[in-house]
Amino acid sequence: LLQLGDFRLRINDSTYTVTVPPLERGISSLIEVSSSDKLRILDDLKSKIASLHAIFNVDEFKVERERILIEKLEEVEQELKPLEELKSKIDAECEKHSERVMWSFFVAMGLQTGIFARLTWWEYSWDIMEPVTYFATYATVIATYGYYLYTRQEFEYSTMRNRCYTKYFYKVAEKYKFNVERYNELLDLTDGIRKDLSRLRDPLYQHLPATHLAWALKDASSSRLKSQSEMSPDPAVQSSADDHQKS
């Protein structure tokens, strides 16, 4: 094209006139330039081609891709909204239940202390009650060790409360026919779409070719799904228990 002189370039529905700068000895003078000038000219040419490609391809791809992701996000959030409302109701019941259980343990320990005090200072004496309190304490140690063998978790008040919360959550979810698996899938899907939108708007991805950008988004999505499959099966339930624990 450079040897033929000026020419017209048509891209999509637009036509552009390309004017070749005049040379004293024609196109052959470009061949005789130094190596550094050749590299500079080649770099400039590559830069201009990349800019044209970004203008006529990447922007259109990004706009279309962003539109699809936003529409999909709206659909997922619309399906997720009633589940969120039902889950809030279940969370409230589970919160009350776990609080009742923890306060029941507190009352039981208080009653035990009161009974031991009554037997020690009013009914019997410390000489009689000392072995009783010893075995009561040792029985508590055995119970905590049994808790670890059964749950494979350390006996801590926070972990015990979370376990009580989670077990009751599934019971109430079955009562209200709350689909925990579908809820977690929608949460993961929402998080993935938002990450794809953020990645699509990232300045680092602005000048990638459309094919490379599509491949990057697809690769990131597959990596995210793989990491989520290695996580706990019900992260949403665990997150709810942690939130109530912090509050």
C-alpha atoms as a PDB file:
ATOM      1  CA  LEU A   1       0.000   0.000   0.000  1.00  0.00           C
ATOM      2  CA  LEU A   2       2.842   2.412   0.784  1.00  0.00           C
ATOM      3  CA  GLN A   3       4.332   1.808  -2.658  1.00  0.00           C
ATOM      4  CA  LEU A   4       1.018   2.609  -4.325  1.00  0.00           C
ATOM      5  CA  GLY A   5       0.756   5.984  -2.627  1.00  0.00           C
ATOM      6  CA  ASP A   6      -2.361   7.431  -1.023  1.00  0.00           C
ATOM      7  CA  PHE A   7      -5.231   5.005  -0.371  1.00  0.00           C
ATOM      8  CA  ARG A   8      -8.609   4.799   1.341  1.00  0.00           C
ATOM      9  CA  LEU A   9      -9.151   2.578   4.406  1.00  0.00           C
ATOM     10  CA  ARG A  10     -12.637   1.376   5.302  1.00  0.00           C
ATOM     11  CA  ILE A  11     -13.299   0.215   8.879  1.00  0.00           C
ATOM     12  CA  ASN A  12     -16.833  -0.901   9.641  1.00  0.00           C
ATOM     13  CA  ASP A  13     -19.044   1.818   8.106  1.00  0.00           C
ATOM     14  CA  SER A  14     -16.405   4.562   8.181  1.00  0.00           C
ATOM     15  CA  THR A  15     -13.954   5.393   5.407  1.00  0.00           C
ATOM     16  CA  TYR A  16     -10.589   7.058   6.070  1.00  0.00           C
ATOM     17  CA  THR A  17      -8.141   8.610   3.621  1.00  0.00           C
ATOM     18  CA  VAL A  18      -4.516   7.653   4.306  1.00  0.00           C
ATOM     19  CA  THR A  19      -1.910  10.011   2.862  1.00  0.00           C
ATOM     20  CA  VAL A  20       1.578   8.567   2.364  1.00  0.00           C
ATOM     21  CA  PRO A  21       4.278  11.206   3.031  1.00  0.00           C
ATOM     22  CA  PRO A  22       6.382  12.018  -0.077  1.00  0.00           C
ATOM     23  CA  LEU A  23       9.894  10.531  -0.226  1.00  0.00           C
ATOM     24  CA  GLU A  24      12.765  11.668  -2.449  1.00  0.00           C
ATOM     25  CA  ARG A  25      13.527   8.177  -3.765  1.00  0.00           C
ATOM     26  CA  GLY A  26      10.237   6.487  -3.087  1.00  0.00           C
ATOM     27  CA  ILE A  27       9.701   3.639  -0.691  1.00  0.00           C
ATOM     28  CA  SER A  28      13.237   2.325  -1.227  1.00  0.00           C
ATOM     29  CA  SER A  29      14.588   5.118   0.995  1.00  0.00           C
ATOM     30  CA  LEU A  30      12.904   3.495   3.985  1.00  0.00           C
ATOM     31  CA  ILE A  31      15.012   0.384   3.462  1.00  0.00           C
ATOM     32  CA  GLU A  32      18.279   2.332   3.601  1.00  0.00           C
ATOM     33  CA  VAL A  33      17.689   3.894   7.015  1.00  0.00           C
ATOM     34  CA  SER A  34      19.729   2.765   9.996  1.00  0.00           C
ATOM     35  CA  SER A  35      18.696  -0.158  12.215  1.00  0.00           C
ATOM     36  CA  SER A  36      17.739   2.113  15.106  1.00  0.00           C
ATOM     37  CA  ASP A  37      15.482   4.157  12.838  1.00  0.00           C
ATOM     38  CA  LYS A  38      13.897   0.971  11.530  1.00  0.00           C
ATOM     39  CA  LEU A  39      13.114  -0.162  15.056  1.00  0.00           C
ATOM     40  CA  ARG A  40      11.709   3.238  15.938  1.00  0.00           C
ATOM     41  CA  ILE A  41       9.496   3.278  12.849  1.00  0.00           C
ATOM     42  CA  LEU A  42       8.350  -0.282  13.585  1.00  0.00           C
ATOM     43  CA  ASP A  43       7.513   0.582  17.193  1.00  0.00           C
ATOM     44  CA  ASP A  44       5.535   3.625  16.097  1.00  0.00           C
ATOM     45  CA  LEU A  45       3.656   1.530  13.581  1.00  0.00           C
ATOM     46  CA  LYS A  46       2.851  -1.152  16.170  1.00  0.00           C
ATOM     47  CA  SER A  47       1.673   1.498  18.607  1.00  0.00           C
ATOM     48  CA  LYS A  48      -0.664   3.067  16.055  1.00  0.00           C
ATOM     49  CA  ILE A  49      -2.065  -0.322  15.045  1.00  0.00           C
ATOM     50  CA  ALA A  50      -2.652  -1.211  18.695  1.00  0.00           C
ATOM     51  CA  SER A  51      -4.436   2.097  19.238  1.00  0.00           C
ATOM     52  CA  LEU A  52      -6.687   1.509  16.234  1.00  0.00           C
ATOM     53  CA  HIS A  53      -7.433  -2.008  17.440  1.00  0.00           C
ATOM     54  CA  ALA A  54      -8.351  -0.729  20.894  1.00  0.00           C
ATOM     55  CA  ILE A  55     -10.627   1.946  19.474  1.00  0.00           C
ATOM     56  CA  PHE A  56     -12.544  -0.262  17.046  1.00  0.00           C
ATOM     57  CA  ASN A  57     -12.595  -3.594  18.929  1.00  0.00           C
ATOM     58  CA  VAL A  58     -11.818  -3.533  22.640  1.00  0.00           C
ATOM     59  CA  ASP A  59     -14.188  -0.721  23.555  1.00  0.00           C
ATOM     60  CA  GLU A  60     -17.084  -2.392  21.761  1.00  0.00           C
ATOM     61  CA  PHE A  61     -16.267  -5.714  23.401  1.00  0.00           C
ATOM     62  CA  LYS A  62     -16.032  -4.137  26.847  1.00  0.00           C
ATOM     63  CA  VAL A  63     -19.323  -2.277  26.493  1.00  0.00           C
ATOM     64  CA  GLU A  64     -21.141  -5.398  25.323  1.00  0.00           C
ATOM     65  CA  ARG A  65     -19.512  -7.567  27.975  1.00  0.00           C
ATOM     66  CA  GLU A  66     -20.319  -5.058  30.710  1.00  0.00           C
ATOM     67  CA  ARG A  67     -23.941  -4.869  29.578  1.00  0.00           C
ATOM     68  CA  ILE A  68     -24.269  -8.662  29.710  1.00  0.00           C
ATOM     69  CA  LEU A  69     -22.687  -8.846  33.167  1.00  0.00           C
ATOM     70  CA  ILE A  70     -24.915  -6.081  34.551  1.00  0.00           C
ATOM     71  CA  GLU A  71     -28.061  -7.765  33.209  1.00  0.00           C
ATOM     72  CA  LYS A  72     -26.963 -11.082  34.670  1.00  0.00           C
ATOM     73  CA  LEU A  73     -26.195  -9.431  38.015  1.00  0.00           C
ATOM     74  CA  GLU A  74     -29.671  -7.894  38.130  1.00  0.00           C
ATOM     75  CA  GLU A  75     -31.265 -11.285  37.440  1.00  0.00           C
ATOM     76  CA  VAL A  76     -29.233 -12.981  40.174  1.00  0.00           C
ATOM     77  CA  GLU A  77     -29.950 -10.238  42.711  1.00  0.00           C
ATOM     78  CA  GLN A  78     -33.663 -10.420  41.902  1.00  0.00           C
ATOM     79  CA  GLU A  79     -33.651 -14.157  42.640  1.00  0.00           C
ATOM     80  CA  LEU A  80     -31.483 -13.646  45.714  1.00  0.00           C
ATOM     81  CA  LYS A  81     -33.658 -10.959  47.325  1.00  0.00           C
ATOM     82  CA  PRO A  82     -36.485 -13.232  48.641  1.00  0.00           C
ATOM     83  CA  LEU A  83     -33.902 -15.720  49.885  1.00  0.00           C
ATOM     84  CA  GLU A  84     -32.122 -12.941  51.762  1.00  0.00           C
ATOM     85  CA  GLU A  85     -35.379 -11.923  53.448  1.00  0.00           C
ATOM     86  CA  LEU A  86     -36.132 -15.513  54.472  1.00  0.00           C
ATOM     87  CA  LYS A  87     -32.581 -16.017  55.699  1.00  0.00           C
ATOM     88  CA  SER A  88     -32.833 -12.907  57.873  1.00  0.00           C
ATOM     89  CA  LYS A  89     -35.894 -14.435  59.533  1.00  0.00           C
ATOM     90  CA  ILE A  90     -34.056 -17.729  60.087  1.00  0.00           C
ATOM     91  CA  ASP A  91     -31.003 -15.885  61.434  1.00  0.00           C
ATOM     92  CA  ALA A  92     -33.171 -14.134  64.023  1.00  0.00           C
ATOM     93  CA  GLU A  93     -34.592 -17.438  65.272  1.00  0.00           C
ATOM     94  CA  CYS A  94     -31.154 -19.067  65.381  1.00  0.00           C
ATOM     95  CA  GLU A  95     -29.764 -16.093  67.282  1.00  0.00           C
ATOM     96  CA  LYS A  96     -32.468 -16.406  69.940  1.00  0.00           C
ATOM     97  CA  HIS A  97     -31.971 -20.172  70.200  1.00  0.00           C
ATOM     98  CA  SER A  98     -28.190 -19.951  70.625  1.00  0.00           C
ATOM     99  CA  GLU A  99     -28.622 -17.233  73.258  1.00  0.00           C
ATOM    100  CA  ARG A 100     -31.081 -19.430  75.179  1.00  0.00           C
ATOM    101  CA  VAL A 101     -28.649 -22.352  75.102  1.00  0.00           C
ATOM    102  CA  MET A 102     -25.720 -20.236  76.339  1.00  0.00           C
ATOM    103  CA  TRP A 103     -27.787 -18.710  79.140  1.00  0.00           C
ATOM    104  CA  SER A 104     -29.040 -22.185  80.096  1.00  0.00           C
ATOM    105  CA  PHE A 105     -25.438 -23.313  80.602  1.00  0.00           C
ATOM    106  CA  PHE A 106     -24.803 -20.218  82.699  1.00  0.00           C
ATOM    107  CA  VAL A 107     -27.848 -20.913  84.903  1.00  0.00           C
ATOM    108  CA  ALA A 108     -26.821 -24.576  85.276  1.00  0.00           C
ATOM    109  CA  MET A 109     -23.329 -23.586  86.453  1.00  0.00           C
ATOM    110  CA  GLY A 110     -24.840 -21.093  88.899  1.00  0.00           C
ATOM    111  CA  LEU A 111     -27.195 -23.731  90.317  1.00  0.00           C
ATOM    112  CA  GLN A 112     -24.314 -26.167  90.696  1.00  0.00           C
ATOM    113  CA  THR A 113     -22.319 -23.576  92.629  1.00  0.00           C
ATOM    114  CA  GLY A 114     -25.295 -22.826  94.877  1.00  0.00           C
ATOM    115  CA  ILE A 115     -25.943 -26.509  95.595  1.00  0.00           C
ATOM    116  CA  PHE A 116     -22.303 -27.141  96.472  1.00  0.00           C
ATOM    117  CA  ALA A 117     -22.287 -24.088  98.758  1.00  0.00           C
ATOM    118  CA  ARG A 118     -25.442 -25.283 100.522  1.00  0.00           C
ATOM    119  CA  LEU A 119     -24.071 -28.775 101.039  1.00  0.00           C
ATOM    120  CA  THR A 120     -20.681 -27.487 102.198  1.00  0.00           C
ATOM    121  CA  TRP A 121     -21.703 -24.885 104.799  1.00  0.00           C
ATOM    122  CA  TRP A 122     -25.195 -25.971 105.870  1.00  0.00           C
ATOM    123  CA  GLU A 123     -25.865 -29.669 105.252  1.00  0.00           C
ATOM    124  CA  TYR A 124     -22.429 -31.280 105.472  1.00  0.00           C
ATOM    125  CA  SER A 125     -18.829 -30.100 105.794  1.00  0.00           C
ATOM    126  CA  TRP A 126     -15.893 -29.381 103.496  1.00  0.00           C
ATOM    127  CA  ASP A 127     -14.284 -32.712 104.414  1.00  0.00           C
ATOM    128  CA  ILE A 128     -17.236 -34.511 102.864  1.00  0.00           C
ATOM    129  CA  MET A 129     -17.762 -32.174  99.884  1.00  0.00           C
ATOM    130  CA  GLU A 130     -14.126 -31.831  98.802  1.00  0.00           C
ATOM    131  CA  PRO A 131     -13.989 -35.172  96.918  1.00  0.00           C
ATOM    132  CA  VAL A 132     -17.418 -34.416  95.435  1.00  0.00           C
ATOM    133  CA  THR A 133     -16.220 -31.108  93.980  1.00  0.00           C
ATOM    134  CA  TYR A 134     -13.041 -32.788  92.744  1.00  0.00           C
ATOM    135  CA  PHE A 135     -14.947 -35.426  90.797  1.00  0.00           C
ATOM    136  CA  ALA A 136     -17.370 -32.797  89.503  1.00  0.00           C
ATOM    137  CA  THR A 137     -14.434 -30.772  88.151  1.00  0.00           C
ATOM    138  CA  TYR A 138     -12.814 -33.851  86.640  1.00  0.00           C
ATOM    139  CA  ALA A 139     -16.115 -34.845  85.043  1.00  0.00           C
ATOM    140  CA  THR A 140     -16.182 -31.425  83.361  1.00  0.00           C
ATOM    141  CA  VAL A 141     -12.691 -32.057  81.957  1.00  0.00           C
ATOM    142  CA  ILE A 142     -13.820 -35.435  80.604  1.00  0.00           C
ATOM    143  CA  ALA A 143     -16.885 -33.794  79.037  1.00  0.00           C
ATOM    144  CA  THR A 144     -14.781 -31.151  77.261  1.00  0.00           C
ATOM    145  CA  TYR A 145     -12.414 -33.820  75.946  1.00  0.00           C
ATOM    146  CA  GLY A 146     -15.401 -35.812  74.705  1.00  0.00           C
ATOM    147  CA  TYR A 147     -16.626 -32.650  72.951  1.00  0.00           C
ATOM    148  CA  TYR A 148     -13.295 -32.435  71.123  1.00  0.00           C
ATOM    149  CA  LEU A 149     -13.406 -36.107  70.097  1.00  0.00           C
ATOM    150  CA  TYR A 150     -16.916 -35.667  68.734  1.00  0.00           C
ATOM    151  CA  THR A 151     -16.530 -32.325  66.952  1.00  0.00           C
ATOM    152  CA  ARG A 152     -12.738 -32.148  66.359  1.00  0.00           C
ATOM    153  CA  GLN A 153     -12.860 -28.571  67.647  1.00  0.00           C
ATOM    154  CA  GLU A 154     -11.426 -26.968  70.750  1.00  0.00           C
ATOM    155  CA  PHE A 155     -13.887 -26.437  73.559  1.00  0.00           C
ATOM    156  CA  GLU A 156     -14.382 -22.691  73.442  1.00  0.00           C
ATOM    157  CA  TYR A 157     -17.543 -20.765  74.153  1.00  0.00           C
ATOM    158  CA  SER A 158     -17.480 -19.045  70.768  1.00  0.00           C
ATOM    159  CA  THR A 159     -17.034 -22.288  68.792  1.00  0.00           C
ATOM    160  CA  MET A 160     -19.697 -24.027  70.884  1.00  0.00           C
ATOM    161  CA  ARG A 161     -22.112 -21.178  70.224  1.00  0.00           C
ATOM    162  CA  ASN A 162     -21.373 -21.229  66.479  1.00  0.00           C
ATOM    163  CA  ARG A 163     -21.930 -24.984  66.379  1.00  0.00           C
ATOM    164  CA  CYS A 164     -25.248 -24.617  68.185  1.00  0.00           C
ATOM    165  CA  TYR A 165     -26.224 -21.819  65.782  1.00  0.00           C
ATOM    166  CA  THR A 166     -25.299 -23.806  62.658  1.00  0.00           C
ATOM    167  CA  LYS A 167     -27.062 -27.028  63.674  1.00  0.00           C
ATOM    168  CA  TYR A 168     -30.242 -25.152  64.503  1.00  0.00           C
ATOM    169  CA  PHE A 169     -29.977 -23.156  61.261  1.00  0.00           C
ATOM    170  CA  TYR A 170     -30.336 -26.283  59.124  1.00  0.00           C
ATOM    171  CA  LYS A 171     -33.250 -27.447  61.236  1.00  0.00           C
ATOM    172  CA  VAL A 172     -35.119 -24.156  60.794  1.00  0.00           C
ATOM    173  CA  ALA A 173     -34.109 -23.950  57.103  1.00  0.00           C
ATOM    174  CA  GLU A 174     -35.764 -27.315  56.503  1.00  0.00           C
ATOM    175  CA  LYS A 175     -38.850 -26.065  58.322  1.00  0.00           C
ATOM    176  CA  TYR A 176     -39.146 -23.003  56.048  1.00  0.00           C
ATOM    177  CA  LYS A 177     -37.960 -24.945  52.954  1.00  0.00           C
ATOM    178  CA  PHE A 178     -34.977 -22.651  52.568  1.00  0.00           C
ATOM    179  CA  ASN A 179     -32.608 -23.940  49.853  1.00  0.00           C
ATOM    180  CA  VAL A 180     -29.170 -23.425  51.403  1.00  0.00           C
ATOM    181  CA  GLU A 181     -27.261 -24.813  48.405  1.00  0.00           C
ATOM    182  CA  ARG A 182     -29.049 -22.541  45.942  1.00  0.00           C
ATOM    183  CA  TYR A 183     -28.516 -19.557  48.233  1.00  0.00           C
ATOM    184  CA  ASN A 184     -24.770 -20.233  48.383  1.00  0.00           C
ATOM    185  CA  GLU A 185     -24.640 -20.678  44.601  1.00  0.00           C
ATOM    186  CA  LEU A 186     -26.300 -17.293  44.093  1.00  0.00           C
ATOM    187  CA  LEU A 187     -23.910 -15.656  46.550  1.00  0.00           C
ATOM    188  CA  ASP A 188     -20.898 -17.112  44.720  1.00  0.00           C
ATOM    189  CA  LEU A 189     -22.361 -16.096  41.362  1.00  0.00           C
ATOM    190  CA  THR A 190     -22.984 -12.526  42.545  1.00  0.00           C
ATOM    191  CA  ASP A 191     -19.472 -12.245  43.912  1.00  0.00           C
ATOM    192  CA  GLY A 192     -18.018 -13.625  40.676  1.00  0.00           C
ATOM    193  CA  ILE A 193     -19.965 -11.217  38.454  1.00  0.00           C
ATOM    194  CA  ARG A 194     -18.898  -8.232  40.542  1.00  0.00           C
ATOM    195  CA  LYS A 195     -15.276  -9.321  40.365  1.00  0.00           C
ATOM    196  CA  ASP A 196     -15.554  -9.689  36.578  1.00  0.00           C
ATOM    197  CA  LEU A 197     -17.014  -6.181  36.331  1.00  0.00           C
ATOM    198  CA  SER A 198     -14.221  -4.801  38.490  1.00  0.00           C
ATOM    199  CA  ARG A 199     -11.625  -6.607  36.392  1.00  0.00           C
ATOM    200  CA  LEU A 200     -13.238  -5.375  33.169  1.00  0.00           C
ATOM    201  CA  ARG A 201     -12.974  -1.778  34.415  1.00  0.00           C
ATOM    202  CA  ASP A 202      -9.414  -2.222  35.677  1.00  0.00           C
ATOM    203  CA  PRO A 203      -6.965   0.165  33.904  1.00  0.00           C
ATOM    204  CA  LEU A 204      -4.527  -2.731  33.487  1.00  0.00           C
ATOM    205  CA  TYR A 205      -6.992  -4.390  31.090  1.00  0.00           C
ATOM    206  CA  GLN A 206      -7.795  -1.294  29.026  1.00  0.00           C
ATOM    207  CA  HIS A 207      -5.440  -1.963  26.105  1.00  0.00           C
ATOM    208  CA  LEU A 208      -5.618  -5.745  25.908  1.00  0.00           C
ATOM    209  CA  PRO A 209      -6.950  -7.220  22.657  1.00  0.00           C
ATOM    210  CA  ALA A 210     -10.550  -8.360  22.853  1.00  0.00           C
ATOM    211  CA  THR A 211      -9.627 -12.040  22.525  1.00  0.00           C
ATOM    212  CA  HIS A 212      -7.026 -11.770  25.294  1.00  0.00           C
ATOM    213  CA  LEU A 213      -9.445  -9.869  27.523  1.00  0.00           C
ATOM    214  CA  ALA A 214     -12.129 -12.523  27.056  1.00  0.00           C
ATOM    215  CA  TRP A 215      -9.603 -15.244  27.817  1.00  0.00           C
ATOM    216  CA  ALA A 216      -8.436 -13.420  30.959  1.00  0.00           C
ATOM    217  CA  LEU A 217     -11.999 -13.089  32.265  1.00  0.00           C
ATOM    218  CA  LYS A 218     -12.741 -16.745  31.532  1.00  0.00           C
ATOM    219  CA  ASP A 219      -9.517 -17.898  33.203  1.00  0.00           C
ATOM    220  CA  ALA A 220     -10.208 -15.768  36.283  1.00  0.00           C
ATOM    221  CA  SER A 221     -13.740 -17.176  36.563  1.00  0.00           C
ATOM    222  CA  SER A 222     -12.530 -20.782  36.346  1.00  0.00           C
ATOM    223  CA  SER A 223      -9.844 -20.124  38.967  1.00  0.00           C
ATOM    224  CA  ARG A 224     -12.411 -18.551  41.270  1.00  0.00           C
ATOM    225  CA  LEU A 225     -14.780 -21.534  40.922  1.00  0.00           C
ATOM    226  CA  LYS A 226     -11.934 -23.925  41.699  1.00  0.00           C
ATOM    227  CA  SER A 227     -10.983 -22.032  44.855  1.00  0.00           C
ATOM    228  CA  GLN A 228     -14.618 -21.873  45.982  1.00  0.00           C
ATOM    229  CA  SER A 229     -15.004 -25.640  45.565  1.00  0.00           C
ATOM    230  CA  GLU A 230     -12.121 -26.135  47.998  1.00  0.00           C
ATOM    231  CA  MET A 231     -13.819 -23.976  50.656  1.00  0.00           C
ATOM    232  CA  SER A 232     -16.373 -25.097  53.247  1.00  0.00           C
ATOM    233  CA  PRO A 233     -19.657 -26.283  51.683  1.00  0.00           C
ATOM    234  CA  ASP A 234     -21.802 -23.634  53.361  1.00  0.00           C
ATOM    235  CA  PRO A 235     -19.804 -20.396  53.743  1.00  0.00           C
ATOM    236  CA  ALA A 236     -22.950 -18.285  54.026  1.00  0.00           C
ATOM    237  CA  VAL A 237     -24.154 -20.095  57.156  1.00  0.00           C
ATOM    238  CA  GLN A 238     -20.715 -19.853  58.735  1.00  0.00           C
ATOM    239  CA  SER A 239     -20.546 -16.164  57.834  1.00  0.00           C
ATOM    240  CA  SER A 240     -23.892 -15.557  59.519  1.00  0.00           C
ATOM    241  CA  ALA A 241     -22.719 -17.274  62.678  1.00  0.00           C
ATOM    242  CA  ASP A 242     -19.525 -15.209  62.689  1.00  0.00           C
ATOM    243  CA  ASP A 243     -21.471 -11.972  62.180  1.00  0.00           C
ATOM    244  CA  HIS A 244     -23.780 -12.732  65.091  1.00  0.00           C
ATOM    245  CA  GLN A 245     -20.776 -13.641  67.227  1.00  0.00           C
ATOM    246  CA  LYS A 246     -19.148 -10.259  66.531  1.00  0.00           C
ATOM    247  CA  SER A 247     -22.379  -8.397  67.262  1.00  0.00           C
END
